[in-house]
N, C-alpha and C. Protein backbone atom coordinates (compact mmCIF):
# COMPACT_ATOMS: atom_id res chain seq x y z
N MET A 1 -8.91 37.59 26.28
CA MET A 1 -9.22 36.20 25.99
C MET A 1 -8.81 35.83 24.57
N LEU A 2 -8.86 36.78 23.64
CA LEU A 2 -8.52 36.46 22.25
C LEU A 2 -7.06 36.06 22.09
N TRP A 3 -6.18 36.67 22.90
CA TRP A 3 -4.77 36.28 22.81
C TRP A 3 -4.57 34.85 23.31
N ILE A 4 -5.26 34.52 24.38
CA ILE A 4 -5.17 33.15 24.91
C ILE A 4 -5.69 32.17 23.86
N LYS A 5 -6.82 32.49 23.25
CA LYS A 5 -7.40 31.63 22.21
C LYS A 5 -6.46 31.51 21.02
N THR A 6 -5.84 32.63 20.63
CA THR A 6 -4.89 32.62 19.51
C THR A 6 -3.73 31.68 19.78
N PHE A 7 -3.12 31.83 20.95
CA PHE A 7 -1.98 30.98 21.28
C PHE A 7 -2.39 29.52 21.42
N HIS A 8 -3.58 29.28 21.96
CA HIS A 8 -4.09 27.92 22.06
C HIS A 8 -4.19 27.28 20.67
N ILE A 9 -4.78 27.99 19.74
CA ILE A 9 -4.95 27.46 18.37
C ILE A 9 -3.59 27.23 17.71
N VAL A 10 -2.67 28.16 17.85
CA VAL A 10 -1.34 28.03 17.23
C VAL A 10 -0.60 26.82 17.79
N PHE A 11 -0.60 26.66 19.10
CA PHE A 11 0.11 25.52 19.69
C PHE A 11 -0.57 24.19 19.37
N VAL A 12 -1.90 24.18 19.34
CA VAL A 12 -2.61 22.94 18.99
C VAL A 12 -2.30 22.55 17.55
N ALA A 13 -2.35 23.53 16.63
CA ALA A 13 -2.06 23.24 15.22
C ALA A 13 -0.63 22.73 15.05
N SER A 14 0.30 23.31 15.77
CA SER A 14 1.70 22.89 15.70
C SER A 14 1.88 21.48 16.27
N TRP A 15 1.23 21.22 17.38
CA TRP A 15 1.28 19.89 17.99
C TRP A 15 0.72 18.84 17.04
N PHE A 16 -0.40 19.16 16.41
CA PHE A 16 -1.01 18.22 15.47
C PHE A 16 -0.13 17.98 14.25
N ALA A 17 0.62 18.98 13.83
CA ALA A 17 1.54 18.78 12.70
C ALA A 17 2.51 17.64 13.04
N GLY A 18 3.00 17.63 14.26
CA GLY A 18 3.87 16.54 14.69
C GLY A 18 3.14 15.22 14.78
N LEU A 19 1.89 15.26 15.26
CA LEU A 19 1.09 14.03 15.35
C LEU A 19 0.78 13.46 13.97
N PHE A 20 0.71 14.33 12.97
CA PHE A 20 0.49 13.86 11.60
C PHE A 20 1.78 13.27 11.00
N TYR A 21 2.93 13.85 11.36
CA TYR A 21 4.18 13.47 10.71
C TYR A 21 4.88 12.27 11.35
N LEU A 22 4.86 12.19 12.67
CA LEU A 22 5.59 11.11 13.35
C LEU A 22 5.18 9.71 12.88
N PRO A 23 3.88 9.42 12.76
CA PRO A 23 3.50 8.09 12.26
C PRO A 23 3.95 7.84 10.82
N ARG A 24 4.14 8.91 10.03
CA ARG A 24 4.68 8.74 8.68
C ARG A 24 6.12 8.25 8.76
N ILE A 25 6.86 8.75 9.73
CA ILE A 25 8.22 8.25 9.95
C ILE A 25 8.16 6.79 10.38
N PHE A 26 7.17 6.45 11.21
CA PHE A 26 7.00 5.06 11.63
C PHE A 26 6.72 4.15 10.43
N VAL A 27 5.96 4.64 9.46
CA VAL A 27 5.72 3.86 8.24
C VAL A 27 7.05 3.53 7.58
N ASN A 28 7.92 4.53 7.46
CA ASN A 28 9.23 4.32 6.84
C ASN A 28 10.09 3.37 7.66
N LEU A 29 10.03 3.49 8.98
CA LEU A 29 10.79 2.57 9.83
C LEU A 29 10.29 1.14 9.66
N ALA A 30 8.98 0.97 9.56
CA ALA A 30 8.41 -0.37 9.42
C ALA A 30 8.76 -0.99 8.06
N MET A 31 9.07 -0.17 7.08
CA MET A 31 9.41 -0.67 5.74
C MET A 31 10.85 -1.14 5.63
N LEU A 32 11.70 -0.73 6.57
CA LEU A 32 13.13 -1.05 6.47
C LEU A 32 13.41 -2.51 6.75
N ASN A 33 14.47 -3.02 6.12
CA ASN A 33 14.93 -4.36 6.48
C ASN A 33 16.10 -4.20 7.46
N GLU A 34 16.56 -5.30 8.03
CA GLU A 34 17.58 -5.23 9.09
C GLU A 34 18.94 -4.72 8.62
N HIS A 35 19.17 -4.67 7.29
CA HIS A 35 20.47 -4.23 6.77
C HIS A 35 20.55 -2.72 6.59
N GLU A 36 19.45 -2.02 6.71
CA GLU A 36 19.44 -0.58 6.49
C GLU A 36 19.63 0.17 7.81
N VAL A 37 20.76 -0.07 8.42
CA VAL A 37 21.05 0.44 9.76
C VAL A 37 21.18 1.96 9.78
N SER A 38 21.91 2.54 8.83
CA SER A 38 22.11 3.99 8.86
C SER A 38 20.79 4.73 8.63
N THR A 39 19.95 4.23 7.75
CA THR A 39 18.64 4.85 7.51
C THR A 39 17.78 4.73 8.76
N ARG A 40 17.81 3.56 9.38
CA ARG A 40 17.05 3.33 10.60
C ARG A 40 17.49 4.30 11.70
N ASP A 41 18.80 4.44 11.87
CA ASP A 41 19.32 5.34 12.90
C ASP A 41 18.90 6.79 12.64
N ARG A 42 18.94 7.19 11.37
CA ARG A 42 18.55 8.56 11.01
C ARG A 42 17.06 8.78 11.30
N LEU A 43 16.22 7.79 10.96
CA LEU A 43 14.78 7.92 11.20
C LEU A 43 14.45 7.90 12.70
N ILE A 44 15.19 7.11 13.45
CA ILE A 44 15.00 7.09 14.92
C ILE A 44 15.36 8.44 15.50
N THR A 45 16.49 9.02 15.06
CA THR A 45 16.90 10.34 15.55
C THR A 45 15.85 11.39 15.20
N MET A 46 15.35 11.36 13.97
CA MET A 46 14.30 12.30 13.57
C MET A 46 13.07 12.12 14.46
N SER A 47 12.69 10.88 14.71
CA SER A 47 11.51 10.59 15.53
C SER A 47 11.69 11.10 16.96
N GLU A 48 12.87 10.87 17.52
CA GLU A 48 13.13 11.34 18.89
C GLU A 48 13.04 12.85 18.99
N LYS A 49 13.65 13.55 18.03
CA LYS A 49 13.62 15.02 18.04
C LYS A 49 12.19 15.53 17.85
N LEU A 50 11.46 14.91 16.94
CA LEU A 50 10.08 15.32 16.71
C LEU A 50 9.22 15.05 17.95
N MET A 51 9.43 13.92 18.59
CA MET A 51 8.67 13.58 19.80
C MET A 51 8.91 14.61 20.90
N ARG A 52 10.17 14.99 21.08
CA ARG A 52 10.49 16.01 22.09
C ARG A 52 9.78 17.32 21.75
N PHE A 53 9.88 17.72 20.48
CA PHE A 53 9.28 18.98 20.04
C PHE A 53 7.76 18.94 20.19
N MET A 54 7.15 17.81 19.83
CA MET A 54 5.69 17.65 19.96
C MET A 54 5.26 17.78 21.42
N THR A 55 6.04 17.21 22.31
CA THR A 55 5.70 17.27 23.73
C THR A 55 5.81 18.71 24.23
N ILE A 56 6.84 19.42 23.78
CA ILE A 56 6.99 20.83 24.15
C ILE A 56 5.79 21.64 23.64
N LEU A 57 5.30 21.33 22.45
CA LEU A 57 4.13 22.04 21.89
C LEU A 57 2.83 21.64 22.59
N MET A 58 2.74 20.39 23.02
CA MET A 58 1.54 19.90 23.68
C MET A 58 1.29 20.65 24.99
N ILE A 59 2.32 20.89 25.74
CA ILE A 59 2.17 21.46 27.08
C ILE A 59 1.50 22.84 27.04
N PRO A 60 2.01 23.82 26.27
CA PRO A 60 1.30 25.12 26.26
C PRO A 60 -0.08 25.04 25.62
N SER A 61 -0.28 24.14 24.66
CA SER A 61 -1.61 24.04 24.08
C SER A 61 -2.61 23.58 25.14
N LEU A 62 -2.21 22.65 26.00
CA LEU A 62 -3.08 22.20 27.08
C LEU A 62 -3.26 23.29 28.14
N ILE A 63 -2.18 23.99 28.45
CA ILE A 63 -2.27 25.07 29.46
C ILE A 63 -3.22 26.17 28.98
N PHE A 64 -3.07 26.61 27.73
CA PHE A 64 -3.96 27.65 27.21
C PHE A 64 -5.40 27.15 27.12
N GLY A 65 -5.57 25.88 26.79
CA GLY A 65 -6.92 25.30 26.75
C GLY A 65 -7.54 25.27 28.13
N ILE A 66 -6.76 24.91 29.13
CA ILE A 66 -7.26 24.88 30.51
C ILE A 66 -7.62 26.29 30.98
N ILE A 67 -6.81 27.27 30.60
CA ILE A 67 -7.12 28.67 30.95
C ILE A 67 -8.45 29.08 30.31
N LEU A 68 -8.63 28.76 29.03
CA LEU A 68 -9.90 29.10 28.36
C LEU A 68 -11.08 28.42 29.04
N TRP A 69 -10.89 27.18 29.39
CA TRP A 69 -11.96 26.39 29.97
C TRP A 69 -12.25 26.83 31.42
N GLY A 70 -11.21 26.91 32.22
CA GLY A 70 -11.39 27.20 33.65
C GLY A 70 -11.56 28.67 33.98
N TYR A 71 -10.64 29.50 33.51
CA TYR A 71 -10.65 30.92 33.89
C TYR A 71 -11.76 31.68 33.18
N TYR A 72 -11.91 31.43 31.87
CA TYR A 72 -12.92 32.16 31.12
C TYR A 72 -14.25 31.41 31.07
N GLY A 73 -14.31 30.20 31.54
CA GLY A 73 -15.57 29.46 31.63
C GLY A 73 -16.11 28.98 30.30
N VAL A 74 -15.26 28.84 29.29
CA VAL A 74 -15.71 28.35 27.99
C VAL A 74 -16.24 26.92 28.18
N GLY A 75 -17.49 26.70 27.79
CA GLY A 75 -18.08 25.37 27.89
C GLY A 75 -18.79 25.08 29.19
N PHE A 76 -18.89 26.07 30.10
CA PHE A 76 -19.55 25.84 31.38
C PHE A 76 -21.04 26.14 31.35
N SER A 77 -21.50 26.87 30.34
CA SER A 77 -22.91 27.27 30.28
C SER A 77 -23.81 26.07 30.00
N VAL A 78 -25.09 26.25 30.29
CA VAL A 78 -26.08 25.22 30.00
C VAL A 78 -26.15 25.02 28.49
N GLY A 79 -26.28 23.77 28.06
CA GLY A 79 -26.38 23.48 26.63
C GLY A 79 -25.03 23.39 25.94
N GLN A 80 -23.96 23.31 26.71
CA GLN A 80 -22.63 23.22 26.11
C GLN A 80 -22.00 21.86 26.38
N ASP A 81 -22.79 20.82 26.15
CA ASP A 81 -22.29 19.46 26.31
C ASP A 81 -21.18 19.15 25.31
N TRP A 82 -21.14 19.91 24.22
CA TRP A 82 -20.11 19.72 23.20
C TRP A 82 -18.72 19.80 23.82
N MET A 83 -18.57 20.65 24.85
CA MET A 83 -17.26 20.81 25.48
C MET A 83 -16.82 19.53 26.18
N HIS A 84 -17.76 18.82 26.78
CA HIS A 84 -17.41 17.56 27.45
C HIS A 84 -16.95 16.52 26.44
N VAL A 85 -17.63 16.48 25.29
CA VAL A 85 -17.22 15.56 24.22
C VAL A 85 -15.85 15.97 23.70
N LYS A 86 -15.66 17.27 23.50
CA LYS A 86 -14.36 17.76 23.02
C LYS A 86 -13.25 17.39 24.00
N LEU A 87 -13.48 17.57 25.28
CA LEU A 87 -12.46 17.23 26.28
C LEU A 87 -12.14 15.74 26.26
N GLY A 88 -13.17 14.91 26.05
CA GLY A 88 -12.93 13.47 25.92
C GLY A 88 -12.06 13.16 24.71
N LEU A 89 -12.33 13.85 23.62
CA LEU A 89 -11.52 13.65 22.41
C LEU A 89 -10.09 14.16 22.60
N VAL A 90 -9.94 15.26 23.32
CA VAL A 90 -8.60 15.76 23.63
C VAL A 90 -7.86 14.73 24.48
N GLY A 91 -8.57 14.07 25.38
CA GLY A 91 -7.96 12.98 26.16
C GLY A 91 -7.45 11.87 25.25
N LEU A 92 -8.22 11.56 24.20
CA LEU A 92 -7.78 10.55 23.23
C LEU A 92 -6.54 11.03 22.46
N VAL A 93 -6.48 12.31 22.15
CA VAL A 93 -5.29 12.86 21.46
C VAL A 93 -4.07 12.72 22.36
N ILE A 94 -4.23 13.02 23.63
CA ILE A 94 -3.11 12.89 24.58
C ILE A 94 -2.69 11.43 24.68
N ALA A 95 -3.64 10.52 24.74
CA ALA A 95 -3.32 9.09 24.78
C ALA A 95 -2.58 8.67 23.51
N TYR A 96 -3.02 9.18 22.35
CA TYR A 96 -2.37 8.89 21.07
C TYR A 96 -0.91 9.38 21.11
N HIS A 97 -0.72 10.58 21.64
CA HIS A 97 0.63 11.16 21.75
C HIS A 97 1.55 10.23 22.54
N PHE A 98 1.08 9.77 23.69
CA PHE A 98 1.92 8.92 24.52
C PHE A 98 2.06 7.51 23.95
N TYR A 99 1.07 7.06 23.18
CA TYR A 99 1.21 5.78 22.50
C TYR A 99 2.29 5.88 21.41
N CYS A 100 2.37 7.04 20.76
CA CYS A 100 3.47 7.27 19.80
C CYS A 100 4.82 7.17 20.49
N PHE A 101 4.90 7.69 21.71
CA PHE A 101 6.14 7.59 22.49
C PHE A 101 6.48 6.13 22.76
N LYS A 102 5.47 5.33 23.10
CA LYS A 102 5.68 3.90 23.34
C LYS A 102 6.15 3.21 22.06
N LEU A 103 5.53 3.54 20.93
CA LEU A 103 5.93 2.94 19.64
C LEU A 103 7.37 3.30 19.29
N LEU A 104 7.75 4.54 19.58
CA LEU A 104 9.13 4.96 19.33
C LEU A 104 10.11 4.12 20.16
N LYS A 105 9.77 3.87 21.41
CA LYS A 105 10.63 3.02 22.25
C LYS A 105 10.76 1.62 21.65
N ILE A 106 9.67 1.09 21.11
CA ILE A 106 9.69 -0.24 20.48
C ILE A 106 10.59 -0.23 19.25
N PHE A 107 10.51 0.82 18.45
CA PHE A 107 11.40 0.92 17.28
C PHE A 107 12.86 1.04 17.70
N LYS A 108 13.12 1.75 18.80
CA LYS A 108 14.50 1.93 19.25
C LYS A 108 15.15 0.61 19.64
N VAL A 109 14.39 -0.29 20.21
CA VAL A 109 14.96 -1.58 20.63
C VAL A 109 14.76 -2.66 19.55
N ILE A 110 14.37 -2.22 18.37
CA ILE A 110 14.18 -3.09 17.20
C ILE A 110 13.25 -4.26 17.54
N ASN A 111 12.07 -3.89 18.03
CA ASN A 111 11.11 -4.92 18.43
C ASN A 111 9.72 -4.67 17.83
N ASN A 112 9.67 -3.94 16.72
CA ASN A 112 8.38 -3.64 16.10
C ASN A 112 7.81 -4.88 15.42
N LYS A 113 6.54 -5.16 15.68
CA LYS A 113 5.85 -6.30 15.07
C LYS A 113 4.74 -5.85 14.11
N LYS A 114 4.50 -4.53 14.06
CA LYS A 114 3.41 -4.00 13.24
C LYS A 114 3.90 -3.71 11.82
N THR A 115 2.97 -3.82 10.86
CA THR A 115 3.31 -3.62 9.46
C THR A 115 3.23 -2.14 9.09
N GLN A 116 3.80 -1.84 7.93
CA GLN A 116 3.70 -0.48 7.43
C GLN A 116 2.25 -0.09 7.18
N ASN A 117 1.41 -1.04 6.76
CA ASN A 117 -0.01 -0.74 6.53
C ASN A 117 -0.72 -0.39 7.84
N TRP A 118 -0.34 -1.07 8.92
CA TRP A 118 -0.92 -0.74 10.22
C TRP A 118 -0.60 0.71 10.57
N PHE A 119 0.65 1.11 10.34
CA PHE A 119 1.05 2.49 10.65
C PHE A 119 0.38 3.48 9.71
N ARG A 120 0.10 3.11 8.48
CA ARG A 120 -0.63 4.01 7.56
C ARG A 120 -2.04 4.29 8.11
N TRP A 121 -2.71 3.26 8.63
CA TRP A 121 -4.03 3.47 9.22
C TRP A 121 -3.93 4.21 10.54
N PHE A 122 -2.92 3.87 11.33
CA PHE A 122 -2.69 4.55 12.62
C PHE A 122 -2.50 6.05 12.41
N ASN A 123 -1.88 6.41 11.30
CA ASN A 123 -1.61 7.80 10.97
C ASN A 123 -2.89 8.60 10.75
N GLU A 124 -3.99 7.95 10.47
CA GLU A 124 -5.25 8.66 10.19
C GLU A 124 -6.00 9.04 11.47
N ILE A 125 -5.66 8.44 12.57
CA ILE A 125 -6.39 8.70 13.83
C ILE A 125 -6.38 10.17 14.22
N PRO A 126 -5.21 10.87 14.22
CA PRO A 126 -5.26 12.28 14.63
C PRO A 126 -6.06 13.15 13.66
N VAL A 127 -6.12 12.77 12.39
CA VAL A 127 -6.92 13.52 11.42
C VAL A 127 -8.40 13.45 11.82
N ILE A 128 -8.86 12.25 12.11
CA ILE A 128 -10.26 12.05 12.50
C ILE A 128 -10.56 12.80 13.80
N LEU A 129 -9.67 12.68 14.77
CA LEU A 129 -9.87 13.38 16.04
C LEU A 129 -9.92 14.89 15.84
N MET A 130 -9.02 15.41 15.01
CA MET A 130 -8.98 16.85 14.79
C MET A 130 -10.25 17.34 14.10
N VAL A 131 -10.74 16.59 13.13
CA VAL A 131 -11.98 16.98 12.44
C VAL A 131 -13.13 17.07 13.44
N PHE A 132 -13.25 16.07 14.32
CA PHE A 132 -14.33 16.09 15.30
C PHE A 132 -14.16 17.23 16.30
N ILE A 133 -12.93 17.44 16.78
CA ILE A 133 -12.69 18.50 17.77
C ILE A 133 -12.98 19.87 17.17
N VAL A 134 -12.43 20.14 16.00
CA VAL A 134 -12.63 21.45 15.37
C VAL A 134 -14.11 21.67 15.05
N SER A 135 -14.78 20.62 14.55
CA SER A 135 -16.20 20.75 14.24
C SER A 135 -17.03 21.07 15.48
N LEU A 136 -16.72 20.43 16.58
CA LEU A 136 -17.44 20.72 17.82
C LEU A 136 -17.22 22.16 18.27
N VAL A 137 -15.98 22.64 18.17
CA VAL A 137 -15.66 23.99 18.62
C VAL A 137 -16.31 25.03 17.71
N VAL A 138 -16.29 24.79 16.42
CA VAL A 138 -16.86 25.76 15.48
C VAL A 138 -18.39 25.80 15.59
N HIS A 139 -19.02 24.64 15.62
CA HIS A 139 -20.49 24.58 15.60
C HIS A 139 -21.13 24.72 16.98
N LYS A 140 -20.41 24.32 18.03
CA LYS A 140 -20.95 24.35 19.40
C LYS A 140 -22.40 23.84 19.42
N PRO A 141 -22.59 22.59 19.01
CA PRO A 141 -23.97 22.08 18.87
C PRO A 141 -24.68 21.91 20.21
N THR A 142 -26.00 22.12 20.18
CA THR A 142 -26.79 21.88 21.39
C THR A 142 -27.16 20.41 21.49
N GLU A 143 -27.30 19.76 20.36
CA GLU A 143 -27.56 18.31 20.31
C GLU A 143 -26.24 17.62 19.93
N THR A 144 -25.37 17.46 20.88
CA THR A 144 -24.00 17.02 20.63
C THR A 144 -23.91 15.64 20.00
N MET A 145 -24.64 14.69 20.55
CA MET A 145 -24.52 13.32 20.03
C MET A 145 -25.09 13.21 18.62
N GLU A 146 -26.20 13.90 18.36
CA GLU A 146 -26.77 13.91 17.01
C GLU A 146 -25.79 14.55 16.03
N PHE A 147 -25.15 15.62 16.47
CA PHE A 147 -24.15 16.30 15.64
C PHE A 147 -22.99 15.35 15.32
N CYS A 148 -22.51 14.62 16.33
CA CYS A 148 -21.39 13.68 16.13
C CYS A 148 -21.78 12.56 15.18
N LYS A 149 -23.01 12.07 15.29
CA LYS A 149 -23.48 11.03 14.37
C LYS A 149 -23.51 11.56 12.94
N THR A 150 -24.03 12.77 12.76
CA THR A 150 -24.08 13.37 11.42
C THR A 150 -22.67 13.58 10.88
N LEU A 151 -21.79 14.09 11.71
CA LEU A 151 -20.40 14.31 11.30
C LEU A 151 -19.73 13.00 10.92
N ALA A 152 -19.99 11.95 11.69
CA ALA A 152 -19.41 10.64 11.37
C ALA A 152 -19.92 10.14 10.03
N MET A 153 -21.19 10.36 9.74
CA MET A 153 -21.75 9.94 8.45
C MET A 153 -21.08 10.70 7.30
N TYR A 154 -20.92 12.02 7.46
CA TYR A 154 -20.22 12.81 6.44
C TYR A 154 -18.79 12.30 6.26
N PHE A 155 -18.15 12.03 7.38
CA PHE A 155 -16.77 11.57 7.34
C PHE A 155 -16.66 10.23 6.61
N LEU A 156 -17.57 9.32 6.90
CA LEU A 156 -17.58 8.02 6.22
C LEU A 156 -17.84 8.19 4.72
N LEU A 157 -18.76 9.08 4.39
CA LEU A 157 -19.06 9.34 2.98
C LEU A 157 -17.83 9.87 2.25
N ILE A 158 -17.17 10.82 2.86
CA ILE A 158 -15.95 11.39 2.26
C ILE A 158 -14.87 10.31 2.15
N ALA A 159 -14.73 9.48 3.18
CA ALA A 159 -13.74 8.40 3.15
C ALA A 159 -14.05 7.41 2.02
N LEU A 160 -15.31 7.04 1.86
CA LEU A 160 -15.68 6.11 0.79
C LEU A 160 -15.42 6.72 -0.59
N ILE A 161 -15.76 7.97 -0.77
CA ILE A 161 -15.50 8.64 -2.05
C ILE A 161 -14.00 8.70 -2.32
N SER A 162 -13.22 9.07 -1.30
CA SER A 162 -11.76 9.16 -1.44
C SER A 162 -11.15 7.80 -1.78
N MET A 163 -11.61 6.76 -1.08
CA MET A 163 -11.08 5.42 -1.34
C MET A 163 -11.46 4.95 -2.74
N SER A 164 -12.65 5.29 -3.19
CA SER A 164 -13.08 4.92 -4.54
C SER A 164 -12.22 5.61 -5.59
N ILE A 165 -11.95 6.88 -5.38
CA ILE A 165 -11.09 7.62 -6.31
C ILE A 165 -9.69 7.02 -6.31
N PHE A 166 -9.16 6.73 -5.12
CA PHE A 166 -7.83 6.12 -5.01
C PHE A 166 -7.80 4.78 -5.75
N TYR A 167 -8.83 3.97 -5.58
CA TYR A 167 -8.92 2.67 -6.24
C TYR A 167 -8.95 2.84 -7.76
N LEU A 168 -9.74 3.79 -8.24
CA LEU A 168 -9.83 4.03 -9.68
C LEU A 168 -8.49 4.49 -10.26
N ILE A 169 -7.82 5.37 -9.57
CA ILE A 169 -6.51 5.86 -10.03
C ILE A 169 -5.52 4.70 -10.07
N LYS A 170 -5.54 3.87 -9.04
CA LYS A 170 -4.64 2.71 -8.99
C LYS A 170 -4.93 1.77 -10.16
N LYS A 171 -6.19 1.55 -10.45
CA LYS A 171 -6.60 0.65 -11.53
C LYS A 171 -6.17 1.23 -12.89
N ILE A 172 -6.34 2.52 -13.07
CA ILE A 172 -5.93 3.18 -14.32
C ILE A 172 -4.42 3.09 -14.49
N LYS A 173 -3.67 3.31 -13.40
CA LYS A 173 -2.21 3.21 -13.48
C LYS A 173 -1.76 1.81 -13.82
N SER A 174 -2.41 0.80 -13.23
CA SER A 174 -2.00 -0.58 -13.51
C SER A 174 -2.33 -0.96 -14.95
N LYS A 175 -3.42 -0.43 -15.50
CA LYS A 175 -3.75 -0.70 -16.91
C LYS A 175 -2.76 -0.05 -17.84
N SER A 176 -2.32 1.17 -17.50
CA SER A 176 -1.37 1.86 -18.37
C SER A 176 0.03 1.21 -18.31
N LYS A 177 0.38 0.62 -17.18
CA LYS A 177 1.66 -0.08 -17.06
C LYS A 177 1.66 -1.39 -17.85
N SER A 178 0.51 -2.03 -17.94
CA SER A 178 0.44 -3.32 -18.64
C SER A 178 0.43 -3.16 -20.16
N LYS A 179 0.22 -1.96 -20.65
CA LYS A 179 0.23 -1.74 -22.11
C LYS A 179 1.59 -1.65 -22.69
């Protein structure tokens, strides 16, 4: 079982690397003007190759996860509601993956209406999903919903602190530029 778990973790981590990077490419595509054709073509090619690679990585990660869940019965015991929440979140990751595919098609036909800021926020979704999924797997809480509420509060606190630090750094930089 440890080899199955090892390969599952490796493929999931690799798949998520693509999920973290592809929307960053979308940010760059959204920033381009209509005259930057060669840059746009290069970014589209990069996105297509990454999307293919991400899909190849997604498949074994799901297969190994299904083997762990079905064959070894991980999450079937009483008090393991965390697994049902985790599977729901994995469903959201899969939906995110295919929504990225849809966004790539929109960029290919030069029909994007979303801003670079929208894509910057969109890029944070897999981070949040991964934090919740990994936390559920590591902690295996018996009170799943209470655990998720607590985790969400920690996450919001960290986000507020990070945004405050970012704001302060931006303010300090703007003051130093005006001098």
